PDB file of N, CA and C in Angstrom:
ATOM      1  N   UNK A   1       0.742  -1.661   0.087  1.00  0.00           N
ATOM      2  CA  UNK A   1      -0.194   0.243  -0.336  1.00  0.00           C
ATOM      3  C   UNK A   1       0.624   1.314   0.288  1.00  0.00           C
ATOM      4  N   UNK A   2       0.489   2.063  -0.692  1.00  0.00           N
ATOM      5  CA  UNK A   2       1.035   3.779  -0.340  1.00  0.00           C
ATOM      6  C   UNK A   2      -0.243   4.820  -0.461  1.00  0.00           C
ATOM      7  N   UNK A   3      -0.079   5.109   0.657  1.00  0.00           N
ATOM      8  CA  UNK A   3       0.112   6.722   0.538  1.00  0.00           C
ATOM      9  C   UNK A   3       0.098   8.121   0.328  1.00  0.00           C
ATOM     10  N   UNK A   4      -0.886   8.822   0.009  1.00  0.00           N
ATOM     11  CA  UNK A   4      -0.414  10.138  -0.791  1.00  0.00           C
ATOM     12  C   UNK A   4      -0.921  11.296  -0.265  1.00  0.00           C
ATOM     13  N   UNK A   5      -0.575  12.119   0.496  1.00  0.00           N
ATOM     14  CA  UNK A   5      -0.596  13.493   0.826  1.00  0.00           C
ATOM     15  C   UNK A   5      -0.515  14.495   0.073  1.00  0.00           C
ATOM     16  N   UNK A   6      -1.049  15.285  -0.440  1.00  0.00           N
ATOM     17  CA  UNK A   6      -0.615  16.757  -0.953  1.00  0.00           C
ATOM     18  C   UNK A   6      -0.969  17.592  -0.530  1.00  0.00           C
ATOM     19  N   UNK A   7      -0.181  18.949  -0.636  1.00  0.00           N
ATOM     20  CA  UNK A   7      -0.105  20.239   0.187  1.00  0.00           C
ATOM     21  C   UNK A   7       0.320  21.063  -1.087  1.00  0.00           C
ATOM     22  N   UNK A   8       0.061  22.417  -0.434  1.00  0.00           N
ATOM     23  CA  UNK A   8       0.618  23.587  -0.977  1.00  0.00           C
ATOM     24  C   UNK A   8      -0.655  24.377  -1.685  1.00  0.00           C
ATOM     25  N   UNK A   9      -1.972  23.326  -1.992  1.00  0.00           N
ATOM     26  CA  UNK A   9      -2.580  24.300  -2.723  1.00  0.00           C
ATOM     27  C   UNK A   9      -3.281  25.943  -2.027  1.00  0.00           C
ATOM     28  N   UNK A  10      -4.070  26.866  -2.662  1.00  0.00           N
ATOM     29  CA  UNK A  10      -4.018  27.680  -1.731  1.00  0.00           C
ATOM     30  C   UNK A  10      -4.796  28.787  -3.399  1.00  0.00           C
ATOM     31  N   UNK A  11      -5.839  30.052  -2.640  1.00  0.00           N
ATOM     32  CA  UNK A  11      -5.760  30.712  -3.313  1.00  0.00           C
ATOM     33  C   UNK A  11      -4.741  32.346  -4.183  1.00  0.00           C
ATOM     34  N   UNK A  12      -4.296  32.309  -5.134  1.00  0.00           N
ATOM     35  CA  UNK A  12      -3.351  33.194  -5.245  1.00  0.00           C
ATOM     36  C   UNK A  12      -3.975  33.733  -6.812  1.00  0.00           C
ATOM     37  N   UNK A  13      -3.601  35.173  -6.976  1.00  0.00           N
ATOM     38  CA  UNK A  13      -3.863  36.081  -8.247  1.00  0.00           C
ATOM     39  C   UNK A  13      -3.690  35.847  -9.575  1.00  0.00           C
ATOM     40  N   UNK A  14      -3.677  35.720 -10.523  1.00  0.00           N
ATOM     41  CA  UNK A  14      -3.184  35.520 -11.792  1.00  0.00           C
ATOM     42  C   UNK A  14      -2.156  36.202 -12.105  1.00  0.00           C
ATOM     43  N   UNK A  15      -1.008  35.117 -12.157  1.00  0.00           N
ATOM     44  CA  UNK A  15       0.718  36.099 -12.606  1.00  0.00           C
ATOM     45  C   UNK A  15       1.027  35.357 -10.899  1.00  0.00           C
ATOM     46  N   UNK A  16       0.467  34.128 -10.274  1.00  0.00           N
ATOM     47  CA  UNK A  16       1.155  34.227  -8.983  1.00  0.00           C
ATOM     48  C   UNK A  16       1.752  32.733  -9.181  1.00  0.00           C
ATOM     49  N   UNK A  17       2.275  32.097  -8.164  1.00  0.00           N
ATOM     50  CA  UNK A  17       2.754  31.363  -7.875  1.00  0.00           C
ATOM     51  C   UNK A  17       2.464  30.274  -7.017  1.00  0.00           C
ATOM     52  N   UNK A  18       2.774  29.153  -7.276  1.00  0.00           N
ATOM     53  CA  UNK A  18       2.375  28.043  -6.046  1.00  0.00           C
ATOM     54  C   UNK A  18       3.419  26.982  -6.458  1.00  0.00           C
ATOM     55  N   UNK A  19       4.071  26.081  -4.559  1.00  0.00           N
ATOM     56  CA  UNK A  19       4.852  24.735  -5.386  1.00  0.00           C
ATOM     57  C   UNK A  19       3.706  23.868  -4.748  1.00  0.00           C
ATOM     58  N   UNK A  20       3.245  22.787  -5.240  1.00  0.00           N
ATOM     59  CA  UNK A  20       2.189  21.396  -4.838  1.00  0.00           C
ATOM     60  C   UNK A  20       3.416  20.716  -4.376  1.00  0.00           C
ATOM     61  N   UNK A  21       3.384  19.655  -3.402  1.00  0.00           N
ATOM     62  CA  UNK A  21       3.999  18.462  -2.362  1.00  0.00           C
ATOM     63  C   UNK A  21       3.265  17.597  -2.746  1.00  0.00           C
ATOM     64  N   UNK A  22       3.843  16.660  -2.807  1.00  0.00           N
ATOM     65  CA  UNK A  22       3.140  15.124  -2.233  1.00  0.00           C
ATOM     66  C   UNK A  22       3.896  14.773  -1.598  1.00  0.00           C
ATOM     67  N   UNK A  23       3.543  14.233  -0.600  1.00  0.00           N
ATOM     68  CA  UNK A  23       4.600  12.985   0.626  1.00  0.00           C
ATOM     69  C   UNK A  23       3.645  11.590  -0.005  1.00  0.00           C
ATOM     70  N   UNK A  24       4.768  10.706  -0.182  1.00  0.00           N
ATOM     71  CA  UNK A  24       4.754   9.601  -0.244  1.00  0.00           C
ATOM     72  C   UNK A  24       4.935   8.662   1.201  1.00  0.00           C
ATOM     73  N   UNK A  25       4.042   7.212   1.133  1.00  0.00           N
ATOM     74  CA  UNK A  25       4.503   6.863   2.630  1.00  0.00           C
ATOM     75  C   UNK A  25       5.803   5.821   1.941  1.00  0.00           C
ATOM     76  N   UNK A  26       6.452   5.565   1.238  1.00  0.00           N
ATOM     77  CA  UNK A  26       7.445   4.421   0.988  1.00  0.00           C
ATOM     78  C   UNK A  26       8.705   5.306   0.016  1.00  0.00           C
ATOM     79  N   UNK A  27       9.515   5.059   0.195  1.00  0.00           N
ATOM     80  CA  UNK A  27      10.324   4.994  -0.910  1.00  0.00           C
ATOM     81  C   UNK A  27      10.434   5.220  -1.941  1.00  0.00           C
ATOM     82  N   UNK A  28      10.584   6.125  -2.903  1.00  0.00           N
ATOM     83  CA  UNK A  28       9.771   6.529  -4.274  1.00  0.00           C
ATOM     84  C   UNK A  28      11.109   6.107  -5.147  1.00  0.00           C
ATOM     85  N   UNK A  29      12.405   5.471  -4.720  1.00  0.00           N
ATOM     86  CA  UNK A  29      13.954   5.448  -5.520  1.00  0.00           C
ATOM     87  C   UNK A  29      13.478   4.510  -6.392  1.00  0.00           C
ATOM     88  N   UNK A  30      12.332   3.582  -6.197  1.00  0.00           N
ATOM     89  CA  UNK A  30      11.836   2.673  -7.621  1.00  0.00           C
ATOM     90  C   UNK A  30      11.048   2.863  -7.833  1.00  0.00           C
ATOM     91  N   UNK A  31      10.082   3.868  -7.672  1.00  0.00           N
ATOM     92  CA  UNK A  31       8.834   4.264  -8.634  1.00  0.00           C
ATOM     93  C   UNK A  31       8.879   4.846  -9.514  1.00  0.00           C
ATOM     94  N   UNK A  32       8.363   4.325 -11.229  1.00  0.00           N
ATOM     95  CA  UNK A  32       9.244   4.955 -12.137  1.00  0.00           C
ATOM     96  C   UNK A  32       8.310   6.210 -12.945  1.00  0.00           C
ATOM     97  N   UNK A  33       6.526   5.934 -12.566  1.00  0.00           N
ATOM     98  CA  UNK A  33       5.596   6.785 -13.005  1.00  0.00           C
ATOM     99  C   UNK A  33       4.882   6.995 -11.386  1.00  0.00           C
ATOM    100  N   UNK A  34       5.041   8.583 -12.332  1.00  0.00           N
ATOM    101  CA  UNK A  34       4.350  10.025 -11.201  1.00  0.00           C
ATOM    102  C   UNK A  34       3.909  10.402 -11.414  1.00  0.00           C
ATOM    103  N   UNK A  35       2.842  11.248 -11.220  1.00  0.00           N
ATOM    104  CA  UNK A  35       2.318  12.084 -12.099  1.00  0.00           C
ATOM    105  C   UNK A  35       1.035  13.388 -11.009  1.00  0.00           C
ATOM    106  N   UNK A  36       0.728  14.010 -11.972  1.00  0.00           N
ATOM    107  CA  UNK A  36       0.353  15.351 -11.181  1.00  0.00           C
ATOM    108  C   UNK A  36      -0.733  15.370 -11.969  1.00  0.00           C
ATOM    109  N   UNK A  37      -2.672  15.021 -11.638  1.00  0.00           N
ATOM    110  CA  UNK A  37      -3.472  15.166 -12.403  1.00  0.00           C
ATOM    111  C   UNK A  37      -3.992  16.991 -11.612  1.00  0.00           C
ATOM    112  N   UNK A  38      -4.935  17.084 -12.656  1.00  0.00           N
ATOM    113  CA  UNK A  38      -6.439  18.094 -12.014  1.00  0.00           C
ATOM    114  C   UNK A  38      -8.338  17.376 -12.528  1.00  0.00           C
ATOM    115  N   UNK A  39      -8.550  17.871 -11.355  1.00  0.00           N
ATOM    116  CA  UNK A  39     -10.256  18.048 -12.272  1.00  0.00           C
ATOM    117  C   UNK A  39     -10.612  19.815 -11.687  1.00  0.00           C
ATOM    118  N   UNK A  40     -11.057  20.672 -12.687  1.00  0.00           N
ATOM    119  CA  UNK A  40     -12.074  21.687 -12.379  1.00  0.00           C
ATOM    120  C   UNK A  40     -13.675  21.023 -12.386  1.00  0.00           C
ATOM    121  N   UNK A  41     -14.476  21.840 -11.733  1.00  0.00           N
ATOM    122  CA  UNK A  41     -15.910  21.304 -11.183  1.00  0.00           C
ATOM    123  C   UNK A  41     -16.402  21.165 -13.219  1.00  0.00           C
ATOM    124  N   UNK A  42     -16.741  20.182 -13.012  1.00  0.00           N
ATOM    125  CA  UNK A  42     -17.497  19.586 -14.372  1.00  0.00           C
ATOM    126  C   UNK A  42     -16.933  19.209 -15.241  1.00  0.00           C
ATOM    127  N   UNK A  43     -15.833  18.810 -15.285  1.00  0.00           N
ATOM    128  CA  UNK A  43     -14.853  19.088 -16.069  1.00  0.00           C
ATOM    129  C   UNK A  43     -14.341  17.131 -15.554  1.00  0.00           C
ATOM    130  N   UNK A  44     -13.726  16.530 -16.911  1.00  0.00           N
ATOM    131  CA  UNK A  44     -13.329  15.194 -16.581  1.00  0.00           C
ATOM    132  C   UNK A  44     -11.438  16.042 -15.973  1.00  0.00           C
ATOM    133  N   UNK A  45     -11.125  14.710 -14.614  1.00  0.00           N
ATOM    134  CA  UNK A  45      -9.987  15.042 -14.253  1.00  0.00           C
ATOM    135  C   UNK A  45      -8.804  14.696 -15.900  1.00  0.00           C
ATOM    136  N   UNK A  46      -8.097  15.596 -15.554  1.00  0.00           N
ATOM    137  CA  UNK A  46      -7.125  15.235 -16.740  1.00  0.00           C
ATOM    138  C   UNK A  46      -5.322  14.890 -16.140  1.00  0.00           C
ATOM    139  N   UNK A  47      -4.489  14.853 -17.138  1.00  0.00           N
ATOM    140  CA  UNK A  47      -3.045  14.535 -17.046  1.00  0.00           C
ATOM    141  C   UNK A  47      -2.733  16.399 -16.790  1.00  0.00           C
ATOM    142  N   UNK A  48      -1.834  17.046 -16.287  1.00  0.00           N
ATOM    143  CA  UNK A  48      -1.147  17.930 -16.204  1.00  0.00           C
ATOM    144  C   UNK A  48       0.323  17.833 -16.283  1.00  0.00           C
ATOM    145  N   UNK A  49       1.403  16.346 -15.428  1.00  0.00           N
ATOM    146  CA  UNK A  49       2.493  16.399 -15.991  1.00  0.00           C
ATOM    147  C   UNK A  49       2.956  14.757 -15.415  1.00  0.00           C
ATOM    148  N   UNK A  50       3.503  14.561 -16.022  1.00  0.00           N
ATOM    149  CA  UNK A  50       4.510  12.899 -14.954  1.00  0.00           C
ATOM    150  C   UNK A  50       5.929  13.346 -15.631  1.00  0.00           C
ATOM    151  N   UNK A  51       6.649  12.128 -14.556  1.00  0.00           N
ATOM    152  CA  UNK A  51       7.641  11.953 -13.655  1.00  0.00           C
ATOM    153  C   UNK A  51       7.763  10.873 -14.227  1.00  0.00           C
ATOM    154  N   UNK A  52       8.252   9.472 -15.529  1.00  0.00           N
ATOM    155  CA  UNK A  52       8.609   8.463 -16.157  1.00  0.00           C
ATOM    156  C   UNK A  52      10.406   7.946 -15.825  1.00  0.00           C
ATOM    157  N   UNK A  53      10.599   6.988 -15.430  1.00  0.00           N
ATOM    158  CA  UNK A  53      12.125   6.521 -15.414  1.00  0.00           C
ATOM    159  C   UNK A  53      13.366   7.437 -14.957  1.00  0.00           C
ATOM    160  N   UNK A  54      12.236   8.019 -13.895  1.00  0.00           N
ATOM    161  CA  UNK A  54      13.007   9.205 -13.231  1.00  0.00           C
ATOM    162  C   UNK A  54      13.403  10.534 -13.575  1.00  0.00           C
ATOM    163  N   UNK A  55      13.567  10.403 -15.358  1.00  0.00           N
ATOM    164  CA  UNK A  55      14.109  11.804 -15.268  1.00  0.00           C
ATOM    165  C   UNK A  55      13.080  11.914 -16.933  1.00  0.00           C
ATOM    166  N   UNK A  56      12.059  10.812 -17.249  1.00  0.00           N
ATOM    167  CA  UNK A  56      11.392  11.842 -18.639  1.00  0.00           C
ATOM    168  C   UNK A  56      10.224  11.938 -17.972  1.00  0.00           C
ATOM    169  N   UNK A  57      10.355  13.419 -18.245  1.00  0.00           N
ATOM    170  CA  UNK A  57       8.919  14.629 -17.780  1.00  0.00           C
ATOM    171  C   UNK A  57       7.763  14.524 -19.321  1.00  0.00           C
ATOM    172  N   UNK A  58       6.586  14.659 -19.242  1.00  0.00           N
ATOM    173  CA  UNK A  58       5.294  14.720 -19.907  1.00  0.00           C
ATOM    174  C   UNK A  58       4.582  16.496 -19.428  1.00  0.00           C
ATOM    175  N   UNK A  59       4.299  16.690 -20.322  1.00  0.00           N
ATOM    176  CA  UNK A  59       3.025  18.396 -20.156  1.00  0.00           C
ATOM    177  C   UNK A  59       2.033  18.734 -20.737  1.00  0.00           C
ATOM    178  N   UNK A  60       1.257  18.512 -19.955  1.00  0.00           N
ATOM    179  CA  UNK A  60      -0.558  19.004 -21.070  1.00  0.00           C
ATOM    180  C   UNK A  60       0.116  20.874 -21.227  1.00  0.00           C
ATOM    181  N   UNK A  61      -0.550  20.604 -22.969  1.00  0.00           N
ATOM    182  CA  UNK A  61      -0.017  21.747 -23.744  1.00  0.00           C
ATOM    183  C   UNK A  61      -0.379  23.050 -22.718  1.00  0.00           C
ATOM    184  N   UNK A  62      -1.352  23.052 -22.028  1.00  0.00           N
ATOM    185  CA  UNK A  62      -1.760  24.144 -21.696  1.00  0.00           C
ATOM    186  C   UNK A  62      -0.906  24.510 -20.789  1.00  0.00           C
ATOM    187  N   UNK A  63       0.052  23.768 -19.709  1.00  0.00           N
ATOM    188  CA  UNK A  63       1.067  24.094 -18.808  1.00  0.00           C
ATOM    189  C   UNK A  63       2.669  24.289 -19.379  1.00  0.00           C
ATOM    190  N   UNK A  64       2.777  23.336 -20.218  1.00  0.00           N
ATOM    191  CA  UNK A  64       3.723  23.671 -20.723  1.00  0.00           C
ATOM    192  C   UNK A  64       5.058  25.715 -20.564  1.00  0.00           C
ATOM    193  N   UNK A  65       5.716  24.675 -20.077  1.00  0.00           N
ATOM    194  CA  UNK A  65       6.876  26.432 -20.015  1.00  0.00           C
ATOM    195  C   UNK A  65       5.985  27.377 -18.650  1.00  0.00           C
ATOM    196  N   UNK A  66       4.912  26.861 -18.262  1.00  0.00           N
ATOM    197  CA  UNK A  66       5.069  27.070 -17.015  1.00  0.00           C
ATOM    198  C   UNK A  66       4.579  26.251 -15.633  1.00  0.00           C
ATOM    199  N   UNK A  67       4.403  25.314 -15.748  1.00  0.00           N
ATOM    200  CA  UNK A  67       5.117  23.906 -14.283  1.00  0.00           C
ATOM    201  C   UNK A  67       6.366  23.391 -14.932  1.00  0.00           C
ATOM    202  N   UNK A  68       6.923  23.378 -13.435  1.00  0.00           N
ATOM    203  CA  UNK A  68       7.730  22.221 -13.346  1.00  0.00           C
ATOM    204  C   UNK A  68       7.280  20.891 -12.419  1.00  0.00           C
ATOM    205  N   UNK A  69       7.607  19.719 -12.615  1.00  0.00           N
ATOM    206  CA  UNK A  69       7.445  18.738 -12.172  1.00  0.00           C
ATOM    207  C   UNK A  69       8.459  17.989 -11.718  1.00  0.00           C
ATOM    208  N   UNK A  70       9.011  17.446 -10.410  1.00  0.00           N
ATOM    209  CA  UNK A  70      10.188  16.877  -9.860  1.00  0.00           C
ATOM    210  C   UNK A  70      10.031  16.050  -9.037  1.00  0.00           C
ATOM    211  N   UNK A  71      11.572  15.665  -8.651  1.00  0.00           N
ATOM    212  CA  UNK A  71      11.080  14.320  -7.328  1.00  0.00           C
ATOM    213  C   UNK A  71      12.251  14.730  -6.753  1.00  0.00           C
ATOM    214  N   UNK A  72      11.969  13.939  -5.364  1.00  0.00           N
ATOM    215  CA  UNK A  72      12.949  14.214  -4.358  1.00  0.00           C
ATOM    216  C   UNK A  72      13.026  12.788  -3.818  1.00  0.00           C
ATOM    217  N   UNK A  73      13.732  11.962  -4.528  1.00  0.00           N
ATOM    218  CA  UNK A  73      13.684  10.792  -3.333  1.00  0.00           C
ATOM    219  C   UNK A  73      14.466  10.523  -2.090  1.00  0.00           C
ATOM    220  N   UNK A  74      15.315  11.679  -1.706  1.00  0.00           N
ATOM    221  CA  UNK A  74      15.444  11.568  -0.669  1.00  0.00           C
ATOM    222  C   UNK A  74      14.552  11.547   0.303  1.00  0.00           C
ATOM    223  N   UNK A  75      13.737  13.067  -0.098  1.00  0.00           N
ATOM    224  CA  UNK A  75      12.623  13.422   0.690  1.00  0.00           C
ATOM    225  C   UNK A  75      10.963  12.414   0.870  1.00  0.00           C
ATOM    226  N   UNK A  76      11.512  11.131  -0.356  1.00  0.00           N
ATOM    227  CA  UNK A  76       9.851  10.447  -1.037  1.00  0.00           C
ATOM    228  C   UNK A  76       9.150  11.679  -0.998  1.00  0.00           C
ATOM    229  N   UNK A  77       9.196  12.700  -2.093  1.00  0.00           N
ATOM    230  CA  UNK A  77       8.035  13.436  -1.976  1.00  0.00           C
ATOM    231  C   UNK A  77       8.303  13.880  -4.168  1.00  0.00           C
ATOM    232  N   UNK A  78       7.352  13.844  -4.673  1.00  0.00           N
ATOM    233  CA  UNK A  78       6.754  14.967  -5.184  1.00  0.00           C
ATOM    234  C   UNK A  78       6.384  16.100  -5.728  1.00  0.00           C
ATOM    235  N   UNK A  79       7.003  17.305  -6.492  1.00  0.00           N
ATOM    236  CA  UNK A  79       6.487  18.041  -6.705  1.00  0.00           C
ATOM    237  C   UNK A  79       5.999  18.611  -7.812  1.00  0.00           C
ATOM    238  N   UNK A  80       5.293  20.369  -7.895  1.00  0.00           N
ATOM    239  CA  UNK A  80       4.740  20.654  -9.174  1.00  0.00           C
ATOM    240  C   UNK A  80       4.925  22.416  -8.737  1.00  0.00           C
ATOM    241  N   UNK A  81       5.686  22.500  -9.258  1.00  0.00           N
ATOM    242  CA  UNK A  81       6.245  23.938  -9.535  1.00  0.00           C
ATOM    243  C   UNK A  81       4.893  24.584 -10.284  1.00  0.00           C
ATOM    244  N   UNK A  82       4.285  25.640 -10.028  1.00  0.00           N
ATOM    245  CA  UNK A  82       3.304  25.869 -10.932  1.00  0.00           C
ATOM    246  C   UNK A  82       3.427  27.926 -11.092  1.00  0.00           C
ATOM    247  N   UNK A  83       4.106  28.074 -12.116  1.00  0.00           N
ATOM    248  CA  UNK A  83       4.301  28.962 -12.355  1.00  0.00           C
ATOM    249  C   UNK A  83       3.417  30.014 -13.593  1.00  0.00           C
ATOM    250  N   UNK A  84       3.300  31.290 -12.969  1.00  0.00           N
ATOM    251  CA  UNK A  84       2.262  32.867 -14.329  1.00  0.00           C
ATOM    252  C   UNK A  84       0.559  31.542 -13.784  1.00  0.00           C
ATOM    253  N   UNK A  85       0.299  31.455 -12.835  1.00  0.00           N
ATOM    254  CA  UNK A  85      -1.008  31.066 -12.611  1.00  0.00           C
ATOM    255  C   UNK A  85      -2.067  31.784 -13.784  1.00  0.00           C
ATOM    256  N   UNK A  86      -3.029  31.278 -14.312  1.00  0.00           N
ATOM    257  CA  UNK A  86      -3.677  31.767 -15.010  1.00  0.00           C
ATOM    258  C   UNK A  86      -5.445  31.163 -14.156  1.00  0.00           C
ATOM    259  N   UNK A  87      -6.553  32.060 -14.374  1.00  0.00           N
ATOM    260  CA  UNK A  87      -7.682  31.655 -13.594  1.00  0.00           C
ATOM    261  C   UNK A  87      -8.135  30.024 -14.186  1.00  0.00           C
ATOM    262  N   UNK A  88      -7.629  30.159 -15.360  1.00  0.00           N
ATOM    263  CA  UNK A  88      -8.175  28.210 -15.902  1.00  0.00           C
ATOM    264  C   UNK A  88      -7.043  27.579 -15.168  1.00  0.00           C
ATOM    265  N   UNK A  89      -6.558  27.596 -14.956  1.00  0.00           N
ATOM    266  CA  UNK A  89      -5.481  26.337 -13.881  1.00  0.00           C
ATOM    267  C   UNK A  89      -6.263  26.162 -12.180  1.00  0.00           C
ATOM    268  N   UNK A  90      -7.067  26.863 -12.478  1.00  0.00           N
ATOM    269  CA  UNK A  90      -7.991  26.553 -10.896  1.00  0.00           C
ATOM    270  C   UNK A  90      -9.194  25.112 -10.769  1.00  0.00           C
ATOM    271  N   UNK A  91      -8.696  24.189  -9.797  1.00  0.00           N
ATOM    272  CA  UNK A  91      -9.014  22.654  -9.833  1.00  0.00           C
ATOM    273  C   UNK A  91      -8.203  22.427  -8.826  1.00  0.00           C
ATOM    274  N   UNK A  92      -8.951  21.641  -8.373  1.00  0.00           N
ATOM    275  CA  UNK A  92      -8.478  19.978  -7.167  1.00  0.00           C
ATOM    276  C   UNK A  92      -7.147  19.422  -7.901  1.00  0.00           C
ATOM    277  N   UNK A  93      -5.915  19.202  -7.535  1.00  0.00           N
ATOM    278  CA  UNK A  93      -4.976  18.812  -7.787  1.00  0.00           C
ATOM    279  C   UNK A  93      -4.735  17.499  -7.451  1.00  0.00           C
ATOM    280  N   UNK A  94      -4.135  16.412  -8.283  1.00  0.00           N
ATOM    281  CA  UNK A  94      -4.168  15.116  -7.207  1.00  0.00           C
ATOM    282  C   UNK A  94      -2.613  14.404  -8.096  1.00  0.00           C
ATOM    283  N   UNK A  95      -2.671  13.782  -6.897  1.00  0.00           N
ATOM    284  CA  UNK A  95      -0.757  13.116  -7.118  1.00  0.00           C
ATOM    285  C   UNK A  95      -0.684  11.382  -7.065  1.00  0.00           C
ATOM    286  N   UNK A  96      -0.464  10.900  -8.041  1.00  0.00           N
ATOM    287  CA  UNK A  96      -0.647   9.865  -8.680  1.00  0.00           C
ATOM    288  C   UNK A  96       0.451   9.232  -8.458  1.00  0.00           C
ATOM    289  N   UNK A  97       0.738   7.268  -8.153  1.00  0.00           N
ATOM    290  CA  UNK A  97       1.918   7.341  -8.210  1.00  0.00           C
ATOM    291  C   UNK A  97       1.122   5.301  -9.260  1.00  0.00           C
ATOM    292  N   UNK A  98       2.228   5.340  -9.855  1.00  0.00           N
ATOM    293  CA  UNK A  98       1.661   3.315  -9.792  1.00  0.00           C
ATOM    294  C   UNK A  98       2.785   3.075 -10.023  1.00  0.00           C
ATOM    295  N   UNK A  99       2.705   1.956  -8.870  1.00  0.00           N
ATOM    296  CA  UNK A  99       3.505   1.065  -8.080  1.00  0.00           C
ATOM    297  C   UNK A  99       3.778  -0.491  -8.442  1.00  0.00           C
ATOM    298  N   UNK A 100       4.264  -0.671  -8.655  1.00  0.00           N
ATOM    299  CA  UNK A 100       3.682  -2.427  -9.013  1.00  0.00           C
ATOM    300  C   UNK A 100       2.312  -3.016  -9.946  1.00  0.00           C
ATOM    301  N   UNK A 101       1.418  -3.735  -8.867  1.00  0.00           N
ATOM    302  CA  UNK A 101       0.124  -3.495  -9.343  1.00  0.00           C
ATOM    303  C   UNK A 101      -1.315  -2.365  -9.177  1.00  0.00           C
ATOM    304  N   UNK A 102      -0.977  -1.289  -8.512  1.00  0.00           N
ATOM    305  CA  UNK A 102      -1.317  -0.392  -7.671  1.00  0.00           C
ATOM    306  C   UNK A 102      -1.648   0.850  -8.229  1.00  0.00           C
ATOM    307  N   UNK A 103      -2.276   1.065  -8.221  1.00  0.00           N
ATOM    308  CA  UNK A 103      -2.222   2.809  -8.934  1.00  0.00           C
ATOM    309  C   UNK A 103      -3.108   3.421  -7.969  1.00  0.00           C
ATOM    310  N   UNK A 104      -2.470   4.585  -7.254  1.00  0.00           N
ATOM    311  CA  UNK A 104      -2.402   4.975  -6.364  1.00  0.00           C
ATOM    312  C   UNK A 104      -2.890   7.000  -6.026  1.00  0.00           C
ATOM    313  N   UNK A 105      -3.862   6.920  -5.392  1.00  0.00           N
ATOM    314  CA  UNK A 105      -3.914   8.704  -5.679  1.00  0.00           C
ATOM    315  C   UNK A 105      -4.551   9.342  -4.195  1.00  0.00           C
ATOM    316  N   UNK A 106      -3.400  10.841  -4.225  1.00  0.00           N
ATOM    317  CA  UNK A 106      -3.955  11.405  -3.058  1.00  0.00           C
ATOM    318  C   UNK A 106      -5.300  11.650  -2.909  1.00  0.00           C
ATOM    319  N   UNK A 107      -5.700  12.443  -1.762  1.00  0.00           N
ATOM    320  CA  UNK A 107      -7.099  13.345  -1.362  1.00  0.00           C
ATOM    321  C   UNK A 107      -7.070  14.678  -1.921  1.00  0.00           C
ATOM    322  N   UNK A 108      -6.073  15.162  -2.688  1.00  0.00           N
ATOM    323  CA  UNK A 108      -6.764  16.142  -3.311  1.00  0.00           C
ATOM    324  C   UNK A 108      -6.020  17.203  -2.932  1.00  0.00           C
ATOM    325  N   UNK A 109      -5.407  18.472  -3.302  1.00  0.00           N
ATOM    326  CA  UNK A 109      -5.392  20.180  -2.860  1.00  0.00           C
ATOM    327  C   UNK A 109      -5.707  21.036  -4.042  1.00  0.00           C
ATOM    328  N   UNK A 110      -6.318  22.047  -3.465  1.00  0.00           N
ATOM    329  CA  UNK A 110      -8.078  23.063  -4.027  1.00  0.00           C
ATOM    330  C   UNK A 110      -6.408  23.975  -4.443  1.00  0.00           C
ATOM    331  N   UNK A 111      -6.814  24.152  -5.685  1.00  0.00           N
ATOM    332  CA  UNK A 111      -6.180  25.167  -6.782  1.00  0.00           C
ATOM    333  C   UNK A 111      -7.302  26.214  -6.861  1.00  0.00           C
ATOM    334  N   UNK A 112      -6.910  27.691  -6.060  1.00  0.00           N
ATOM    335  CA  UNK A 112      -7.980  28.507  -7.121  1.00  0.00           C
ATOM    336  C   UNK A 112      -6.789  29.789  -7.427  1.00  0.00           C
ATOM    337  N   UNK A 113      -7.301  30.801  -8.569  1.00  0.00           N
ATOM    338  CA  UNK A 113      -6.770  31.464  -9.032  1.00  0.00           C
ATOM    339  C   UNK A 113      -7.496  32.323  -9.813  1.00  0.00           C
ATOM    340  N   UNK A 114      -7.871  33.756  -8.708  1.00  0.00           N
ATOM    341  CA  UNK A 114      -8.287  34.814  -8.816  1.00  0.00           C
ATOM    342  C   UNK A 114      -7.965  36.088 -10.196  1.00  0.00           C
ATOM    343  N   UNK A 115      -8.931  36.362 -10.790  1.00  0.00           N
ATOM    344  CA  UNK A 115      -8.301  37.308 -12.458  1.00  0.00           C
ATOM    345  C   UNK A 115      -7.620  38.393 -11.547  1.00  0.00           C
TER     346      UNK A 115
END
C-alpha cells in the first residue's frame, strides 16, 4: 500500500506561483511513474504533468513552460512548481503513483486562481 498526501494549494492571483508537494509513504527510489492530475468542476480529470523512469517528463500543452514537475528521492516527495498561474488553472490537483499492480491517488489539494 502507498499513501499520498498533497499540500501547497491555496488562493493566488493570476500571474502568481504555487508549489504543490506530494508526500509518499514509501521510498520512491524504485517508483518509475508519478504524476499530477487536476479536475475542475464539471470537467473530467486531466493529466497535468508526469515523470517516468526518474527523468522523462511530459506536460499538458496548457501548462508547458509554466509548470515543472520534479521528485526528491531522499524526501520521498513529488513536487509541482506552478508559475504564471491563470484562472483556468483553478482545479483540485491530485498526485498519482503507479507502483507494482497498484494505482494510488492522494486526496487532492485545491488551487484557486483569481483574475
